[in-house]
C-alpha atoms as a PDB file:
ATOM      1  CA  UNK A   1      97.282 165.274  83.152  1.00  0.00           C
ATOM      2  CA  UNK A   2      93.871 165.887  81.586  1.00  0.00           C
ATOM      3  CA  UNK A   3      90.808 165.943  83.783  1.00  0.00           C
ATOM      4  CA  UNK A   4      89.418 162.749  82.145  1.00  0.00           C
ATOM      5  CA  UNK A   5      92.565 160.782  82.955  1.00  0.00           C
ATOM      6  CA  UNK A   6      92.558 162.149  86.492  1.00  0.00           C
ATOM      7  CA  UNK A   7      88.900 161.123  86.949  1.00  0.00           C
ATOM      8  CA  UNK A   8      89.627 157.643  85.541  1.00  0.00           C
ATOM      9  CA  UNK A   9      92.600 157.252  87.890  1.00  0.00           C
ATOM     10  CA  UNK A  10      90.539 158.290  90.917  1.00  0.00           C
ATOM     11  CA  UNK A  11      87.808 155.891  89.882  1.00  0.00           C
ATOM     12  CA  UNK A  12      90.331 152.990  89.662  1.00  0.00           C
ATOM     13  CA  UNK A  13      91.673 153.851  93.074  1.00  0.00           C
ATOM     14  CA  UNK A  14      88.187 153.894  94.599  1.00  0.00           C
ATOM     15  CA  UNK A  15      87.157 150.695  92.919  1.00  0.00           C
ATOM     16  CA  UNK A  16      90.382 149.046  94.086  1.00  0.00           C
ATOM     17  CA  UNK A  17      89.773 150.260  97.609  1.00  0.00           C
ATOM     18  CA  UNK A  18      86.236 148.790  97.693  1.00  0.00           C
ATOM     19  CA  UNK A  19      87.533 145.496  96.284  1.00  0.00           C
ATOM     20  CA  UNK A  20      90.339 145.333  98.886  1.00  0.00           C
ATOM     21  CA  UNK A  21      87.919 146.181 101.681  1.00  0.00           C
ATOM     22  CA  UNK A  22      85.406 143.545 100.549  1.00  0.00           C
ATOM     23  CA  UNK A  23      88.063 140.873 100.221  1.00  0.00           C
ATOM     24  CA  UNK A  24      89.343 141.755 103.710  1.00  0.00           C
ATOM     25  CA  UNK A  25      85.880 141.429 105.173  1.00  0.00           C
ATOM     26  CA  UNK A  26      85.309 138.073 103.397  1.00  0.00           C
ATOM     27  CA  UNK A  27      88.692 136.824 104.501  1.00  0.00           C
ATOM     28  CA  UNK A  28      87.906 137.855 108.087  1.00  0.00           C
ATOM     29  CA  UNK A  29      84.635 135.920 107.947  1.00  0.00           C
ATOM     30  CA  UNK A  30      86.147 132.765 106.417  1.00  0.00           C
ATOM     31  CA  UNK A  31      86.058 129.611 108.499  1.00  0.00           C
ATOM     32  CA  UNK A  32      89.531 128.822 109.677  1.00  0.00           C
ATOM     33  CA  UNK A  33      90.969 125.238 109.911  1.00  0.00           C
ATOM     34  CA  UNK A  34      90.861 123.694 113.387  1.00  0.00           C
ATOM     35  CA  UNK A  35      94.408 122.423 113.528  1.00  0.00           C
ATOM     36  CA  UNK A  36      95.457 123.549 117.023  1.00  0.00           C
ATOM     37  CA  UNK A  37      96.652 121.241 119.831  1.00  0.00           C
ATOM     38  CA  UNK A  38      93.737 119.674 121.558  1.00  0.00           C
ATOM     39  CA  UNK A  39      91.330 119.942 118.601  1.00  0.00           C
ATOM     40  CA  UNK A  40      89.318 116.759 117.983  1.00  0.00           C
ATOM     41  CA  UNK A  41      86.833 115.560 115.326  1.00  0.00           C
ATOM     42  CA  UNK A  42      84.786 112.680 114.161  1.00  0.00           C
ATOM     43  CA  UNK A  43      85.612 111.290 110.695  1.00  0.00           C
ATOM     44  CA  UNK A  44      82.997 110.040 108.168  1.00  0.00           C
ATOM     45  CA  UNK A  45      83.184 108.907 104.550  1.00  0.00           C
ATOM     46  CA  UNK A  46      81.052 110.637 101.979  1.00  0.00           C
ATOM     47  CA  UNK A  47      79.279 108.393  99.440  1.00  0.00           C
ATOM     48  CA  UNK A  48      79.357 109.115  95.683  1.00  0.00           C
ATOM     49  CA  UNK A  49      77.207 111.668  93.915  1.00  0.00           C
ATOM     50  CA  UNK A  50      74.720 109.002  92.675  1.00  0.00           C
ATOM     51  CA  UNK A  51      73.629 107.946  96.233  1.00  0.00           C
ATOM     52  CA  UNK A  52      74.988 110.763  98.345  1.00  0.00           C
ATOM     53  CA  UNK A  53      75.257 110.287 102.100  1.00  0.00           C
ATOM     54  CA  UNK A  54      77.475 109.553 105.111  1.00  0.00           C
ATOM     55  CA  UNK A  55      79.035 106.251 105.890  1.00  0.00           C
ATOM     56  CA  UNK A  56      81.591 104.768 108.334  1.00  0.00           C
ATOM     57  CA  UNK A  57      85.193 105.059 107.319  1.00  0.00           C
ATOM     58  CA  UNK A  58      86.354 101.916 105.496  1.00  0.00           C
ATOM     59  CA  UNK A  59      89.504 100.317 107.008  1.00  0.00           C
ATOM     60  CA  UNK A  60      89.801  97.792 104.215  1.00  0.00           C
ATOM     61  CA  UNK A  61      88.013  95.304 102.007  1.00  0.00           C
ATOM     62  CA  UNK A  62      88.890  91.727 102.913  1.00  0.00           C
ATOM     63  CA  UNK A  63      88.676  89.083 100.073  1.00  0.00           C
ATOM     64  CA  UNK A  64      88.657  85.346 100.763  1.00  0.00           C
ATOM     65  CA  UNK A  65      87.973  82.256  98.716  1.00  0.00           C
ATOM     66  CA  UNK A  66      85.001  80.083  99.846  1.00  0.00           C
ATOM     67  CA  UNK A  67      85.341  77.165  97.510  1.00  0.00           C
ATOM     68  CA  UNK A  68      82.609  78.416  95.184  1.00  0.00           C
ATOM     69  CA  UNK A  69      84.162  81.761  94.495  1.00  0.00           C
ATOM     70  CA  UNK A  70      85.522  84.867  96.088  1.00  0.00           C
ATOM     71  CA  UNK A  71      83.765  86.728  98.926  1.00  0.00           C
ATOM     72  CA  UNK A  72      84.616  90.399  99.442  1.00  0.00           C
ATOM     73  CA  UNK A  73      83.727  91.963 102.787  1.00  0.00           C
ATOM     74  CA  UNK A  74      84.275  95.631 103.574  1.00  0.00           C
ATOM     75  CA  UNK A  75      85.381  96.358 107.083  1.00  0.00           C
ATOM     76  CA  UNK A  76      84.175  99.757 108.299  1.00  0.00           C
ATOM     77  CA  UNK A  77      83.899 101.393 111.708  1.00  0.00           C
ATOM     78  CA  UNK A  78      84.181 104.608 113.673  1.00  0.00           C
ATOM     79  CA  UNK A  79      86.905 107.227 113.093  1.00  0.00           C
ATOM     80  CA  UNK A  80      88.274 110.042 115.248  1.00  0.00           C
ATOM     81  CA  UNK A  81      91.063 112.572 114.738  1.00  0.00           C
ATOM     82  CA  UNK A  82      92.926 114.308 117.523  1.00  0.00           C
ATOM     83  CA  UNK A  83      95.584 117.028 117.238  1.00  0.00           C
ATOM     84  CA  UNK A  84      98.456 116.126 119.569  1.00  0.00           C
ATOM     85  CA  UNK A  85     100.233 119.349 118.668  1.00  0.00           C
ATOM     86  CA  UNK A  86      99.598 122.341 116.432  1.00  0.00           C
ATOM     87  CA  UNK A  87      99.184 121.079 112.798  1.00  0.00           C
ATOM     88  CA  UNK A  88      99.909 117.485 113.900  1.00  0.00           C
ATOM     89  CA  UNK A  89      97.022 115.011 114.118  1.00  0.00           C
ATOM     90  CA  UNK A  90      96.617 111.324 114.860  1.00  0.00           C
ATOM     91  CA  UNK A  91      93.678 109.528 113.197  1.00  0.00           C
ATOM     92  CA  UNK A  92      92.300 106.264 114.665  1.00  0.00           C
ATOM     93  CA  UNK A  93      89.729 103.939 113.000  1.00  0.00           C
ATOM     94  CA  UNK A  94      88.144 100.991 114.899  1.00  0.00           C
ATOM     95  CA  UNK A  95      85.656  98.344 113.604  1.00  0.00           C
ATOM     96  CA  UNK A  96      83.981  95.353 115.100  1.00  0.00           C
ATOM     97  CA  UNK A  97      80.830  93.504 114.007  1.00  0.00           C
ATOM     98  CA  UNK A  98      79.336  90.045 114.598  1.00  0.00           C
ATOM     99  CA  UNK A  99      76.091  88.736 113.175  1.00  0.00           C
ATOM    100  CA  UNK A 100      74.183  85.477 113.391  1.00  0.00           C
ATOM    101  CA  UNK A 101      70.813  84.540 111.978  1.00  0.00           C
ATOM    102  CA  UNK A 102      70.643  81.322 114.076  1.00  0.00           C
ATOM    103  CA  UNK A 103      69.485  79.106 111.202  1.00  0.00           C
ATOM    104  CA  UNK A 104      71.773  76.291 109.898  1.00  0.00           C
ATOM    105  CA  UNK A 105      69.687  75.994 106.761  1.00  0.00           C
ATOM    106  CA  UNK A 106      70.519  79.444 105.558  1.00  0.00           C
ATOM    107  CA  UNK A 107      73.772  80.720 104.132  1.00  0.00           C
ATOM    108  CA  UNK A 108      76.020  83.094 106.054  1.00  0.00           C
ATOM    109  CA  UNK A 109      74.925  81.924 109.529  1.00  0.00           C
ATOM    110  CA  UNK A 110      77.762  83.573 111.419  1.00  0.00           C
ATOM    111  CA  UNK A 111      79.971  86.379 110.200  1.00  0.00           C
ATOM    112  CA  UNK A 112      82.432  88.673 112.113  1.00  0.00           C
ATOM    113  CA  UNK A 113      84.709  91.470 111.163  1.00  0.00           C
ATOM    114  CA  UNK A 114      87.342  93.375 113.059  1.00  0.00           C
ATOM    115  CA  UNK A 115      89.630  96.249 112.084  1.00  0.00           C
ATOM    116  CA  UNK A 116      91.948  98.842 113.332  1.00  0.00           C
ATOM    117  CA  UNK A 117      93.742 101.703 111.524  1.00  0.00           C
ATOM    118  CA  UNK A 118      96.051 104.531 112.599  1.00  0.00           C
ATOM    119  CA  UNK A 119      97.437 107.442 110.671  1.00  0.00           C
ATOM    120  CA  UNK A 120      99.535 110.533 111.302  1.00  0.00           C
ATOM    121  CA  UNK A 121      98.832 113.830 109.500  1.00  0.00           C
ATOM    122  CA  UNK A 122     101.069 116.862 109.243  1.00  0.00           C
ATOM    123  CA  UNK A 123      99.124 119.977 108.192  1.00  0.00           C
ATOM    124  CA  UNK A 124     100.811 122.805 106.258  1.00  0.00           C
ATOM    125  CA  UNK A 125     100.023 126.437 106.449  1.00  0.00           C
ATOM    126  CA  UNK A 126      96.351 126.940 105.652  1.00  0.00           C
ATOM    127  CA  UNK A 127      95.321 128.298 102.271  1.00  0.00           C
ATOM    128  CA  UNK A 128      92.360 130.461 103.338  1.00  0.00           C
ATOM    129  CA  UNK A 129      89.823 127.851 104.549  1.00  0.00           C
ATOM    130  CA  UNK A 130      91.778 124.841 103.254  1.00  0.00           C
ATOM    131  CA  UNK A 131      94.248 122.760 105.258  1.00  0.00           C
ATOM    132  CA  UNK A 132      96.510 120.576 103.068  1.00  0.00           C
ATOM    133  CA  UNK A 133      98.348 117.682 104.777  1.00  0.00           C
ATOM    134  CA  UNK A 134     100.716 114.756 104.226  1.00  0.00           C
ATOM    135  CA  UNK A 135     101.309 111.743 106.440  1.00  0.00           C
ATOM    136  CA  UNK A 136     101.406 107.961 106.742  1.00  0.00           C
ATOM    137  CA  UNK A 137      99.360 105.183 108.156  1.00  0.00           C
ATOM    138  CA  UNK A 138      98.734 101.483 108.759  1.00  0.00           C
ATOM    139  CA  UNK A 139      95.454  99.471 108.561  1.00  0.00           C
ATOM    140  CA  UNK A 140      94.636  95.956 109.602  1.00  0.00           C
ATOM    141  CA  UNK A 141      91.301  94.144 108.952  1.00  0.00           C
ATOM    142  CA  UNK A 142      89.966  90.602 109.100  1.00  0.00           C
ATOM    143  CA  UNK A 143      86.708  88.895 108.364  1.00  0.00           C
ATOM    144  CA  UNK A 144      85.392  85.324 108.857  1.00  0.00           C
ATOM    145  CA  UNK A 145      82.283  83.389 107.942  1.00  0.00           C
ATOM    146  CA  UNK A 146      80.848  80.025 109.099  1.00  0.00           C
ATOM    147  CA  UNK A 147      78.182  77.768 107.583  1.00  0.00           C
ATOM    148  CA  UNK A 148      78.089  79.509 104.250  1.00  0.00           C
ATOM    149  CA  UNK A 149      76.820  76.337 102.606  1.00  0.00           C
ATOM    150  CA  UNK A 150      73.743  75.518 104.771  1.00  0.00           C
ATOM    151  CA  UNK A 151      73.157  72.032 106.171  1.00  0.00           C
ATOM    152  CA  UNK A 152      74.662  69.909 103.416  1.00  0.00           C
ATOM    153  CA  UNK A 153      78.210  71.140 104.200  1.00  0.00           C
ATOM    154  CA  UNK A 154      79.799  73.351 106.833  1.00  0.00           C
ATOM    155  CA  UNK A 155      81.893  75.964 105.050  1.00  0.00           C
ATOM    156  CA  UNK A 156      84.289  78.322 106.785  1.00  0.00           C
ATOM    157  CA  UNK A 157      86.489  80.993 105.457  1.00  0.00           C
ATOM    158  CA  UNK A 158      88.705  83.705 106.931  1.00  0.00           C
ATOM    159  CA  UNK A 159      90.897  86.397 105.560  1.00  0.00           C
ATOM    160  CA  UNK A 160      92.939  89.374 106.716  1.00  0.00           C
ATOM    161  CA  UNK A 161      94.801  92.226 105.189  1.00  0.00           C
ATOM    162  CA  UNK A 162      97.342  94.856 106.131  1.00  0.00           C
ATOM    163  CA  UNK A 163      97.941  98.168 104.358  1.00  0.00           C
ATOM    164  CA  UNK A 164     100.969 100.419 105.014  1.00  0.00           C
ATOM    165  CA  UNK A 165     101.594 103.549 103.102  1.00  0.00           C
ATOM    166  CA  UNK A 166     101.841 107.341 102.785  1.00  0.00           C
ATOM    167  CA  UNK A 167      98.940 109.717 102.170  1.00  0.00           C
ATOM    168  CA  UNK A 168      98.242 113.224 101.018  1.00  0.00           C
ATOM    169  CA  UNK A 169      94.977 115.186 101.256  1.00  0.00           C
ATOM    170  CA  UNK A 170      93.181 118.325 102.274  1.00  0.00           C
ATOM    171  CA  UNK A 171      90.394 119.548 104.586  1.00  0.00           C
ATOM    172  CA  UNK A 172      88.244 122.430 103.402  1.00  0.00           C
ATOM    173  CA  UNK A 173      86.299 124.196 106.186  1.00  0.00           C
ATOM    174  CA  UNK A 174      83.119 125.456 104.595  1.00  0.00           C
ATOM    175  CA  UNK A 175      81.883 126.611 108.051  1.00  0.00           C
ATOM    176  CA  UNK A 176      83.205 126.605 111.558  1.00  0.00           C
ATOM    177  CA  UNK A 177      83.933 123.132 112.850  1.00  0.00           C
ATOM    178  CA  UNK A 178      82.837 121.331 109.670  1.00  0.00           C
ATOM    179  CA  UNK A 179      85.093 120.371 106.677  1.00  0.00           C
ATOM    180  CA  UNK A 180      85.002 118.119 103.723  1.00  0.00           C
ATOM    181  CA  UNK A 181      88.129 116.837 102.073  1.00  0.00           C
ATOM    182  CA  UNK A 182      89.797 114.356  99.905  1.00  0.00           C
ATOM    183  CA  UNK A 183      92.769 111.985 100.304  1.00  0.00           C
ATOM    184  CA  UNK A 184      95.072 109.710  98.153  1.00  0.00           C
ATOM    185  CA  UNK A 185      97.024 106.850  99.608  1.00  0.00           C
ATOM    186  CA  UNK A 186     100.082 105.060  98.121  1.00  0.00           C
ATOM    187  CA  UNK A 187     101.786 102.032  99.658  1.00  0.00           C
ATOM    188  CA  UNK A 188     102.003  98.300 100.288  1.00  0.00           C
ATOM    189  CA  UNK A 189      99.022  95.951 100.620  1.00  0.00           C
ATOM    190  CA  UNK A 190      99.212  92.319 101.749  1.00  0.00           C
ATOM    191  CA  UNK A 191      96.370  89.802 102.175  1.00  0.00           C
ATOM    192  CA  UNK A 192      96.024  86.190 103.322  1.00  0.00           C
ATOM    193  CA  UNK A 193      93.084  83.793 103.536  1.00  0.00           C
ATOM    194  CA  UNK A 194      92.010  80.265 104.486  1.00  0.00           C
ATOM    195  CA  UNK A 195      88.949  78.153 103.830  1.00  0.00           C
ATOM    196  CA  UNK A 196      87.593  74.734 104.763  1.00  0.00           C
ATOM    197  CA  UNK A 197      84.573  72.501 103.932  1.00  0.00           C
ATOM    198  CA  UNK A 198      83.368  70.059 106.635  1.00  0.00           C
ATOM    199  CA  UNK A 199      86.580  70.721 108.587  1.00  0.00           C
ATOM    200  CA  UNK A 200      88.858  69.914 105.656  1.00  0.00           C
ATOM    201  CA  UNK A 201      91.040  72.626 104.167  1.00  0.00           C
ATOM    202  CA  UNK A 202      90.432  73.465 100.581  1.00  0.00           C
ATOM    203  CA  UNK A 203      92.937  72.015  98.215  1.00  0.00           C
ATOM    204  CA  UNK A 204      94.714  73.907  96.817  1.00  0.00           C
ATOM    205  CA  UNK A 205      94.804  76.411  99.691  1.00  0.00           C
ATOM    206  CA  UNK A 206      93.795  80.050  98.976  1.00  0.00           C
ATOM    207  CA  UNK A 207      96.672  82.091  97.817  1.00  0.00           C
ATOM    208  CA  UNK A 208      98.422  84.750  99.924  1.00  0.00           C
ATOM    209  CA  UNK A 209      98.817  87.955  97.980  1.00  0.00           C
ATOM    210  CA  UNK A 210     100.997  91.030  98.426  1.00  0.00           C
ATOM    211  CA  UNK A 211     101.175  93.967  95.996  1.00  0.00           C
ATOM    212  CA  UNK A 212     102.828  97.301  95.646  1.00  0.00           C
ATOM    213  CA  UNK A 213     100.289  99.954  94.636  1.00  0.00           C
ATOM    214  CA  UNK A 214     102.007 102.384  92.332  1.00  0.00           C
ATOM    215  CA  UNK A 215      98.890 104.169  91.102  1.00  0.00           C
ATOM    216  CA  UNK A 216      96.366 106.421  92.757  1.00  0.00           C
ATOM    217  CA  UNK A 217      93.377 105.044  90.806  1.00  0.00           C
ATOM    218  CA  UNK A 218      90.877 103.571  93.255  1.00  0.00           C
ATOM    219  CA  UNK A 219      92.874 104.674  96.344  1.00  0.00           C
ATOM    220  CA  UNK A 220      91.156 107.954  96.837  1.00  0.00           C
ATOM    221  CA  UNK A 221      88.482 108.851  99.364  1.00  0.00           C
ATOM    222  CA  UNK A 222      86.157 111.776 100.235  1.00  0.00           C
ATOM    223  CA  UNK A 223      85.568 112.485 103.897  1.00  0.00           C
ATOM    224  CA  UNK A 224      83.665 114.754 106.278  1.00  0.00           C
ATOM    225  CA  UNK A 225      85.298 116.140 109.528  1.00  0.00           C
ATOM    226  CA  UNK A 226      83.027 117.148 112.391  1.00  0.00           C
ATOM    227  CA  UNK A 227      84.773 118.820 115.296  1.00  0.00           C
ATOM    228  CA  UNK A 228      83.489 118.458 118.861  1.00  0.00           C
END
């Protein structure tokens, strides 16, 4: 073997050694997913890139007919995640809100929303700082509104929905105890609603809908996990 080939081989070995050492140090300093039994975290939604920010997790968007059109109300609340065993987490979402402006001459005098959601996550072996998972969940949400028409007519409407499905996502821990991730859901969604004007039900009555969601478009979400 010529001396030039020997030098080149030695250089490759040295470079490879430095690269392996550097990667080992980086891997040792990587934030590891918190998926051990007893780990707990708050869950937040991340808004889009145009108006970036944190928001409460959405349990569902309730749509009801008011007589003059449809009214869509998002039901959002607080979310927590608790690991009941290694790599197994239960996620719970709760929402409750009630508002009243106290003026019969103004639309939307009284509104109320309530919601509850639960999901199970099974986390696979981490890929460096990323924890992929699959699971399933169920959400229930309802909303109601009174006096949406002012003093000339008392309008009421109420609606509720239920979502049941499977989900898949990931949590990427960019530092210790903090992770961002994404999730897709696929499943069944059913919704019912009612409405009345001056105590008389609308005729025809609002329809009850149920659909099977076979696509992932519009069913994705981006979240932030904050361990405590």
